[in-house]
Amino acid sequence: MGRRRYQQGEYARVPLAWNDRTGTLTIGAREGNYPGMPQAQRFVVRLISPDEGGNPLAESAPNDRTVDYSGTALQIHLGA
């Protein structure tokens, strides 16, 4: 079985925090790194409302937001 690099401390974590009052998603600064790690990622952010329903597994939705993430913190306002 292949080496589990996370067991040797190789990892990257991206903290996420949602503020329901302001309708803001904070994508925090990347923590950690590992050899060959992509320096940029593209996230598709989808707000699923209990009132509106929706399929979180659908390929796309009208209110999707695409975010290019380079490892530094950013905020996305999705409405309150």
PDB file of N, CA and C in Angstrom:
ATOM      1  N   MET A   1       0.840  -1.184   0.000  1.00  0.00           N
ATOM      2  CA  MET A   1       0.000   0.000   0.000  1.00  0.00           C
ATOM      3  C   MET A   1       0.884   1.246   0.000  1.00  0.00           C
ATOM      4  N   GLY A   2       0.435   2.304  -0.662  1.00  0.00           N
ATOM      5  CA  GLY A   2       1.223   3.536  -0.783  1.00  0.00           C
ATOM      6  C   GLY A   2       1.418   4.242   0.543  1.00  0.00           C
ATOM      7  N   ARG A   3       2.428   5.034   0.591  1.00  0.00           N
ATOM      8  CA  ARG A   3       2.755   5.816   1.786  1.00  0.00           C
ATOM      9  C   ARG A   3       1.655   6.833   2.069  1.00  0.00           C
ATOM     10  N   ARG A   4       1.223   6.896   3.288  1.00  0.00           N
ATOM     11  CA  ARG A   4       0.215   7.876   3.699  1.00  0.00           C
ATOM     12  C   ARG A   4       0.951   9.129   4.158  1.00  0.00           C
ATOM     13  N   ARG A   5       1.112  10.058   3.235  1.00  0.00           N
ATOM     14  CA  ARG A   5       1.939  11.233   3.493  1.00  0.00           C
ATOM     15  C   ARG A   5       1.388  12.104   4.607  1.00  0.00           C
ATOM     16  N   TYR A   6       0.069  12.093   4.800  1.00  0.00           N
ATOM     17  CA  TYR A   6      -0.492  12.896   5.888  1.00  0.00           C
ATOM     18  C   TYR A   6       0.015  12.406   7.244  1.00  0.00           C
ATOM     19  N   GLN A   7       0.369  11.126   7.341  1.00  0.00           N
ATOM     20  CA  GLN A   7       0.890  10.596   8.596  1.00  0.00           C
ATOM     21  C   GLN A   7       2.282  11.146   8.906  1.00  0.00           C
ATOM     22  N   GLN A   8       2.962  11.657   7.897  1.00  0.00           N
ATOM     23  CA  GLN A   8       4.263  12.287   8.092  1.00  0.00           C
ATOM     24  C   GLN A   8       4.139  13.815   8.177  1.00  0.00           C
ATOM     25  N   GLY A   9       2.918  14.310   8.319  1.00  0.00           N
ATOM     26  CA  GLY A   9       2.709  15.739   8.505  1.00  0.00           C
ATOM     27  C   GLY A   9       2.523  16.522   7.220  1.00  0.00           C
ATOM     28  N   GLU A  10       2.353  15.857   6.091  1.00  0.00           N
ATOM     29  CA  GLU A  10       2.129  16.552   4.817  1.00  0.00           C
ATOM     30  C   GLU A  10       0.622  16.696   4.609  1.00  0.00           C
ATOM     31  N   TYR A  11       0.160  17.922   4.608  1.00  0.00           N
ATOM     32  CA  TYR A  11      -1.266  18.171   4.449  1.00  0.00           C
ATOM     33  C   TYR A  11      -1.482  19.618   4.022  1.00  0.00           C
ATOM     34  N   ALA A  12      -2.675  19.893   3.569  1.00  0.00           N
ATOM     35  CA  ALA A  12      -3.124  21.266   3.346  1.00  0.00           C
ATOM     36  C   ALA A  12      -4.580  21.314   3.761  1.00  0.00           C
ATOM     37  N   ARG A  13      -4.915  22.345   4.498  1.00  0.00           N
ATOM     38  CA  ARG A  13      -6.288  22.508   4.979  1.00  0.00           C
ATOM     39  C   ARG A  13      -6.741  23.917   4.618  1.00  0.00           C
ATOM     40  N   VAL A  14      -7.992  24.019   4.193  1.00  0.00           N
ATOM     41  CA  VAL A  14      -8.594  25.313   3.873  1.00  0.00           C
ATOM     42  C   VAL A  14      -9.796  25.499   4.806  1.00  0.00           C
ATOM     43  N   PRO A  15      -9.681  26.373   5.809  1.00  0.00           N
ATOM     44  CA  PRO A  15     -10.800  26.568   6.730  1.00  0.00           C
ATOM     45  C   PRO A  15     -11.938  27.346   6.066  1.00  0.00           C
ATOM     46  N   LEU A  16     -13.156  26.934   6.365  1.00  0.00           N
ATOM     47  CA  LEU A  16     -14.362  27.586   5.857  1.00  0.00           C
ATOM     48  C   LEU A  16     -15.208  28.025   7.039  1.00  0.00           C
ATOM     49  N   ALA A  17     -15.810  29.216   6.941  1.00  0.00           N
ATOM     50  CA  ALA A  17     -16.700  29.709   7.992  1.00  0.00           C
ATOM     51  C   ALA A  17     -17.877  30.427   7.341  1.00  0.00           C
ATOM     52  N   TRP A  18     -19.081  30.089   7.774  1.00  0.00           N
ATOM     53  CA  TRP A  18     -20.289  30.700   7.256  1.00  0.00           C
ATOM     54  C   TRP A  18     -20.870  31.637   8.308  1.00  0.00           C
ATOM     55  N   ASN A  19     -21.239  32.862   7.901  1.00  0.00           N
ATOM     56  CA  ASN A  19     -21.912  33.812   8.775  1.00  0.00           C
ATOM     57  C   ASN A  19     -23.344  33.942   8.269  1.00  0.00           C
ATOM     58  N   ASP A  20     -24.265  33.331   8.985  1.00  0.00           N
ATOM     59  CA  ASP A  20     -25.659  33.312   8.556  1.00  0.00           C
ATOM     60  C   ASP A  20     -26.289  34.695   8.590  1.00  0.00           C
ATOM     61  N   ARG A  21     -25.867  35.526   9.540  1.00  0.00           N
ATOM     62  CA  ARG A  21     -26.424  36.872   9.676  1.00  0.00           C
ATOM     63  C   ARG A  21     -26.115  37.733   8.458  1.00  0.00           C
ATOM     64  N   THR A  22     -24.876  37.667   7.958  1.00  0.00           N
ATOM     65  CA  THR A  22     -24.479  38.514   6.828  1.00  0.00           C
ATOM     66  C   THR A  22     -24.529  37.790   5.486  1.00  0.00           C
ATOM     67  N   GLY A  23     -24.730  36.466   5.519  1.00  0.00           N
ATOM     68  CA  GLY A  23     -24.730  35.706   4.267  1.00  0.00           C
ATOM     69  C   GLY A  23     -23.358  35.679   3.613  1.00  0.00           C
ATOM     70  N   THR A  24     -22.324  35.569   4.452  1.00  0.00           N
ATOM     71  CA  THR A  24     -20.953  35.627   3.950  1.00  0.00           C
ATOM     72  C   THR A  24     -20.214  34.329   4.256  1.00  0.00           C
ATOM     73  N   LEU A  25     -19.568  33.794   3.236  1.00  0.00           N
ATOM     74  CA  LEU A  25     -18.688  32.641   3.397  1.00  0.00           C
ATOM     75  C   LEU A  25     -17.255  33.153   3.418  1.00  0.00           C
ATOM     76  N   THR A  26     -16.510  32.783   4.454  1.00  0.00           N
ATOM     77  CA  THR A  26     -15.090  33.109   4.510  1.00  0.00           C
ATOM     78  C   THR A  26     -14.302  31.857   4.180  1.00  0.00           C
ATOM     79  N   ILE A  27     -13.481  31.944   3.164  1.00  0.00           N
ATOM     80  CA  ILE A  27     -12.532  30.881   2.824  1.00  0.00           C
ATOM     81  C   ILE A  27     -11.202  31.364   3.369  1.00  0.00           C
ATOM     82  N   GLY A  28     -10.709  30.683   4.390  1.00  0.00           N
ATOM     83  CA  GLY A  28      -9.530  31.145   5.099  1.00  0.00           C
ATOM     84  C   GLY A  28      -8.236  30.863   4.363  1.00  0.00           C
ATOM     85  N   ALA A  29      -7.160  31.369   4.925  1.00  0.00           N
ATOM     86  CA  ALA A  29      -5.827  31.131   4.366  1.00  0.00           C
ATOM     87  C   ALA A  29      -5.478  29.646   4.490  1.00  0.00           C
ATOM     88  N   ARG A  30      -4.881  29.126   3.460  1.00  0.00           N
ATOM     89  CA  ARG A  30      -4.479  27.715   3.454  1.00  0.00           C
ATOM     90  C   ARG A  30      -3.470  27.458   4.566  1.00  0.00           C
ATOM     91  N   GLU A  31      -3.633  26.344   5.239  1.00  0.00           N
ATOM     92  CA  GLU A  31      -2.729  25.935   6.307  1.00  0.00           C
ATOM     93  C   GLU A  31      -2.020  24.659   5.861  1.00  0.00           C
ATOM     94  N   GLY A  32      -0.705  24.644   5.956  1.00  0.00           N
ATOM     95  CA  GLY A  32       0.064  23.472   5.575  1.00  0.00           C
ATOM     96  C   GLY A  32       0.400  23.452   4.092  1.00  0.00           C
ATOM     97  N   ASN A  33       1.217  22.490   3.706  1.00  0.00           N
ATOM     98  CA  ASN A  33       1.570  22.284   2.298  1.00  0.00           C
ATOM     99  C   ASN A  33       2.202  20.915   2.140  1.00  0.00           C
ATOM    100  N   TYR A  34       2.377  20.509   0.919  1.00  0.00           N
ATOM    101  CA  TYR A  34       3.013  19.233   0.618  1.00  0.00           C
ATOM    102  C   TYR A  34       3.610  19.308  -0.782  1.00  0.00           C
ATOM    103  N   PRO A  35       4.587  18.470  -1.072  1.00  0.00           N
ATOM    104  CA  PRO A  35       5.219  18.510  -2.392  1.00  0.00           C
ATOM    105  C   PRO A  35       4.195  18.216  -3.491  1.00  0.00           C
ATOM    106  N   GLY A  36       4.229  19.025  -4.531  1.00  0.00           N
ATOM    107  CA  GLY A  36       3.335  18.835  -5.671  1.00  0.00           C
ATOM    108  C   GLY A  36       1.941  19.405  -5.463  1.00  0.00           C
ATOM    109  N   MET A  37       1.728  20.101  -4.367  1.00  0.00           N
ATOM    110  CA  MET A  37       0.422  20.675  -4.071  1.00  0.00           C
ATOM    111  C   MET A  37       0.080  21.749  -5.098  1.00  0.00           C
ATOM    112  N   PRO A  38      -1.146  21.732  -5.637  1.00  0.00           N
ATOM    113  CA  PRO A  38      -1.522  22.817  -6.549  1.00  0.00           C
ATOM    114  C   PRO A  38      -1.570  24.138  -5.796  1.00  0.00           C
ATOM    115  N   GLN A  39      -1.024  25.181  -6.367  1.00  0.00           N
ATOM    116  CA  GLN A  39      -0.996  26.482  -5.708  1.00  0.00           C
ATOM    117  C   GLN A  39      -2.314  27.223  -5.848  1.00  0.00           C
ATOM    118  N   ALA A  40      -3.118  26.867  -6.818  1.00  0.00           N
ATOM    119  CA  ALA A  40      -4.418  27.517  -7.021  1.00  0.00           C
ATOM    120  C   ALA A  40      -5.472  26.445  -7.217  1.00  0.00           C
ATOM    121  N   GLN A  41      -6.677  26.777  -6.783  1.00  0.00           N
ATOM    122  CA  GLN A  41      -7.816  25.878  -6.947  1.00  0.00           C
ATOM    123  C   GLN A  41      -9.025  26.701  -7.348  1.00  0.00           C
ATOM    124  N   ARG A  42      -9.966  26.050  -7.967  1.00  0.00           N
ATOM    125  CA  ARG A  42     -11.230  26.695  -8.317  1.00  0.00           C
ATOM    126  C   ARG A  42     -12.324  26.009  -7.501  1.00  0.00           C
ATOM    127  N   PHE A  43     -13.072  26.804  -6.749  1.00  0.00           N
ATOM    128  CA  PHE A  43     -14.190  26.293  -5.959  1.00  0.00           C
ATOM    129  C   PHE A  43     -15.487  26.763  -6.598  1.00  0.00           C
ATOM    130  N   VAL A  44     -16.482  25.910  -6.579  1.00  0.00           N
ATOM    131  CA  VAL A  44     -17.839  26.307  -6.946  1.00  0.00           C
ATOM    132  C   VAL A  44     -18.638  26.319  -5.650  1.00  0.00           C
ATOM    133  N   VAL A  45     -19.170  27.494  -5.311  1.00  0.00           N
ATOM    134  CA  VAL A  45     -19.898  27.682  -4.058  1.00  0.00           C
ATOM    135  C   VAL A  45     -21.387  27.706  -4.387  1.00  0.00           C
ATOM    136  N   ARG A  46     -22.131  26.878  -3.659  1.00  0.00           N
ATOM    137  CA  ARG A  46     -23.572  26.787  -3.878  1.00  0.00           C
ATOM    138  C   ARG A  46     -24.273  26.931  -2.535  1.00  0.00           C
ATOM    139  N   LEU A  47     -25.171  27.879  -2.437  1.00  0.00           N
ATOM    140  CA  LEU A  47     -25.961  28.090  -1.235  1.00  0.00           C
ATOM    141  C   LEU A  47     -27.247  27.281  -1.369  1.00  0.00           C
ATOM    142  N   ILE A  48     -27.433  26.354  -0.459  1.00  0.00           N
ATOM    143  CA  ILE A  48     -28.637  25.523  -0.448  1.00  0.00           C
ATOM    144  C   ILE A  48     -29.529  26.020   0.679  1.00  0.00           C
ATOM    145  N   SER A  49     -30.698  26.476   0.329  1.00  0.00           N
ATOM    146  CA  SER A  49     -31.630  27.030   1.298  1.00  0.00           C
ATOM    147  C   SER A  49     -32.669  25.978   1.670  1.00  0.00           C
ATOM    148  N   PRO A  50     -32.976  25.841   2.963  1.00  0.00           N
ATOM    149  CA  PRO A  50     -34.011  24.885   3.348  1.00  0.00           C
ATOM    150  C   PRO A  50     -35.387  25.287   2.812  1.00  0.00           C
ATOM    151  N   ASP A  51     -35.600  26.587   2.594  1.00  0.00           N
ATOM    152  CA  ASP A  51     -36.880  27.059   2.066  1.00  0.00           C
ATOM    153  C   ASP A  51     -37.026  26.784   0.579  1.00  0.00           C
ATOM    154  N   GLU A  52     -35.937  26.942  -0.163  1.00  0.00           N
ATOM    155  CA  GLU A  52     -35.984  26.808  -1.611  1.00  0.00           C
ATOM    156  C   GLU A  52     -35.673  25.395  -2.076  1.00  0.00           C
ATOM    157  N   GLY A  53     -35.051  24.595  -1.220  1.00  0.00           N
ATOM    158  CA  GLY A  53     -34.680  23.245  -1.621  1.00  0.00           C
ATOM    159  C   GLY A  53     -33.547  23.295  -2.618  1.00  0.00           C
ATOM    160  N   GLY A  54     -33.590  22.437  -3.575  1.00  0.00           N
ATOM    161  CA  GLY A  54     -32.538  22.384  -4.582  1.00  0.00           C
ATOM    162  C   GLY A  54     -31.746  21.098  -4.445  1.00  0.00           C
ATOM    163  N   ASN A  55     -31.041  20.774  -5.456  1.00  0.00           N
ATOM    164  CA  ASN A  55     -30.258  19.547  -5.483  1.00  0.00           C
ATOM    165  C   ASN A  55     -28.785  19.895  -5.336  1.00  0.00           C
ATOM    166  N   PRO A  56     -28.187  19.625  -4.162  1.00  0.00           N
ATOM    167  CA  PRO A  56     -26.775  19.970  -3.978  1.00  0.00           C
ATOM    168  C   PRO A  56     -25.842  19.179  -4.882  1.00  0.00           C
ATOM    169  N   LEU A  57     -26.330  18.093  -5.465  1.00  0.00           N
ATOM    170  CA  LEU A  57     -25.490  17.263  -6.339  1.00  0.00           C
ATOM    171  C   LEU A  57     -25.664  17.587  -7.817  1.00  0.00           C
ATOM    172  N   ALA A  58     -26.538  18.522  -8.139  1.00  0.00           N
ATOM    173  CA  ALA A  58     -26.731  18.898  -9.545  1.00  0.00           C
ATOM    174  C   ALA A  58     -25.437  19.465 -10.108  1.00  0.00           C
ATOM    175  N   GLU A  59     -25.246  19.282 -11.394  1.00  0.00           N
ATOM    176  CA  GLU A  59     -24.008  19.745 -12.024  1.00  0.00           C
ATOM    177  C   GLU A  59     -23.835  21.248 -11.930  1.00  0.00           C
ATOM    178  N   SER A  60     -24.911  22.012 -12.065  1.00  0.00           N
ATOM    179  CA  SER A  60     -24.829  23.460 -11.911  1.00  0.00           C
ATOM    180  C   SER A  60     -26.187  23.990 -11.461  1.00  0.00           C
ATOM    181  N   ALA A  61     -26.162  25.166 -10.864  1.00  0.00           N
ATOM    182  CA  ALA A  61     -27.379  25.834 -10.409  1.00  0.00           C
ATOM    183  C   ALA A  61     -27.247  27.310 -10.746  1.00  0.00           C
ATOM    184  N   PRO A  62     -28.372  28.016 -10.908  1.00  0.00           N
ATOM    185  CA  PRO A  62     -28.327  29.412 -11.351  1.00  0.00           C
ATOM    186  C   PRO A  62     -27.521  30.335 -10.446  1.00  0.00           C
ATOM    187  N   ASN A  63     -27.492  30.078  -9.148  1.00  0.00           N
ATOM    188  CA  ASN A  63     -26.817  30.994  -8.225  1.00  0.00           C
ATOM    189  C   ASN A  63     -25.420  30.529  -7.830  1.00  0.00           C
ATOM    190  N   ASP A  64     -24.867  29.552  -8.519  1.00  0.00           N
ATOM    191  CA  ASP A  64     -23.508  29.101  -8.222  1.00  0.00           C
ATOM    192  C   ASP A  64     -22.527  30.257  -8.389  1.00  0.00           C
ATOM    193  N   ARG A  65     -21.525  30.285  -7.522  1.00  0.00           N
ATOM    194  CA  ARG A  65     -20.435  31.267  -7.641  1.00  0.00           C
ATOM    195  C   ARG A  65     -19.137  30.508  -7.807  1.00  0.00           C
ATOM    196  N   THR A  66     -18.368  30.835  -8.820  1.00  0.00           N
ATOM    197  CA  THR A  66     -17.068  30.220  -9.043  1.00  0.00           C
ATOM    198  C   THR A  66     -16.003  31.151  -8.488  1.00  0.00           C
ATOM    199  N   VAL A  67     -15.098  30.573  -7.689  1.00  0.00           N
ATOM    200  CA  VAL A  67     -14.076  31.361  -7.005  1.00  0.00           C
ATOM    201  C   VAL A  67     -12.715  30.752  -7.304  1.00  0.00           C
ATOM    202  N   ASP A  68     -11.790  31.575  -7.778  1.00  0.00           N
ATOM    203  CA  ASP A  68     -10.402  31.141  -7.945  1.00  0.00           C
ATOM    204  C   ASP A  68      -9.670  31.446  -6.645  1.00  0.00           C
ATOM    205  N   TYR A  69      -9.111  30.404  -6.033  1.00  0.00           N
ATOM    206  CA  TYR A  69      -8.496  30.491  -4.714  1.00  0.00           C
ATOM    207  C   TYR A  69      -7.006  30.235  -4.842  1.00  0.00           C
ATOM    208  N   SER A  70      -6.201  31.170  -4.305  1.00  0.00           N
ATOM    209  CA  SER A  70      -4.744  31.039  -4.416  1.00  0.00           C
ATOM    210  C   SER A  70      -4.077  30.751  -3.077  1.00  0.00           C
ATOM    211  N   GLY A  71      -4.876  30.502  -2.045  1.00  0.00           N
ATOM    212  CA  GLY A  71      -4.307  30.194  -0.742  1.00  0.00           C
ATOM    213  C   GLY A  71      -4.439  31.312   0.268  1.00  0.00           C
ATOM    214  N   THR A  72      -4.836  32.496  -0.178  1.00  0.00           N
ATOM    215  CA  THR A  72      -5.037  33.606   0.761  1.00  0.00           C
ATOM    216  C   THR A  72      -6.531  33.719   1.072  1.00  0.00           C
ATOM    217  N   ALA A  73      -6.821  34.240   2.252  1.00  0.00           N
ATOM    218  CA  ALA A  73      -8.213  34.344   2.703  1.00  0.00           C
ATOM    219  C   ALA A  73      -9.029  35.266   1.797  1.00  0.00           C
ATOM    220  N   LEU A  74     -10.303  34.919   1.649  1.00  0.00           N
ATOM    221  CA  LEU A  74     -11.226  35.769   0.905  1.00  0.00           C
ATOM    222  C   LEU A  74     -12.630  35.553   1.431  1.00  0.00           C
ATOM    223  N   GLN A  75     -13.495  36.527   1.165  1.00  0.00           N
ATOM    224  CA  GLN A  75     -14.890  36.445   1.584  1.00  0.00           C
ATOM    225  C   GLN A  75     -15.783  36.525   0.359  1.00  0.00           C
ATOM    226  N   ILE A  76     -16.874  35.766   0.420  1.00  0.00           N
ATOM    227  CA  ILE A  76     -17.853  35.756  -0.658  1.00  0.00           C
ATOM    228  C   ILE A  76     -19.212  36.080  -0.043  1.00  0.00           C
ATOM    229  N   HIS A  77     -19.825  37.152  -0.520  1.00  0.00           N
ATOM    230  CA  HIS A  77     -21.152  37.513  -0.032  1.00  0.00           C
ATOM    231  C   HIS A  77     -22.192  36.814  -0.903  1.00  0.00           C
ATOM    232  N   LEU A  78     -23.014  35.986  -0.274  1.00  0.00           N
ATOM    233  CA  LEU A  78     -24.031  35.233  -0.998  1.00  0.00           C
ATOM    234  C   LEU A  78     -25.434  35.719  -0.690  1.00  0.00           C
ATOM    235  N   GLY A  79     -25.555  36.767   0.081  1.00  0.00           N
ATOM    236  CA  GLY A  79     -26.863  37.309   0.431  1.00  0.00           C
ATOM    237  C   GLY A  79     -27.358  36.777   1.751  1.00  0.00           C
ATOM    238  N   ALA A  80     -28.090  37.591   2.439  1.00  0.00           N
ATOM    239  CA  ALA A  80     -28.606  37.189   3.757  1.00  0.00           C
ATOM    240  C   ALA A  80     -30.101  36.966   3.689  1.00  0.00           C
TER     241      ALA A  80
END
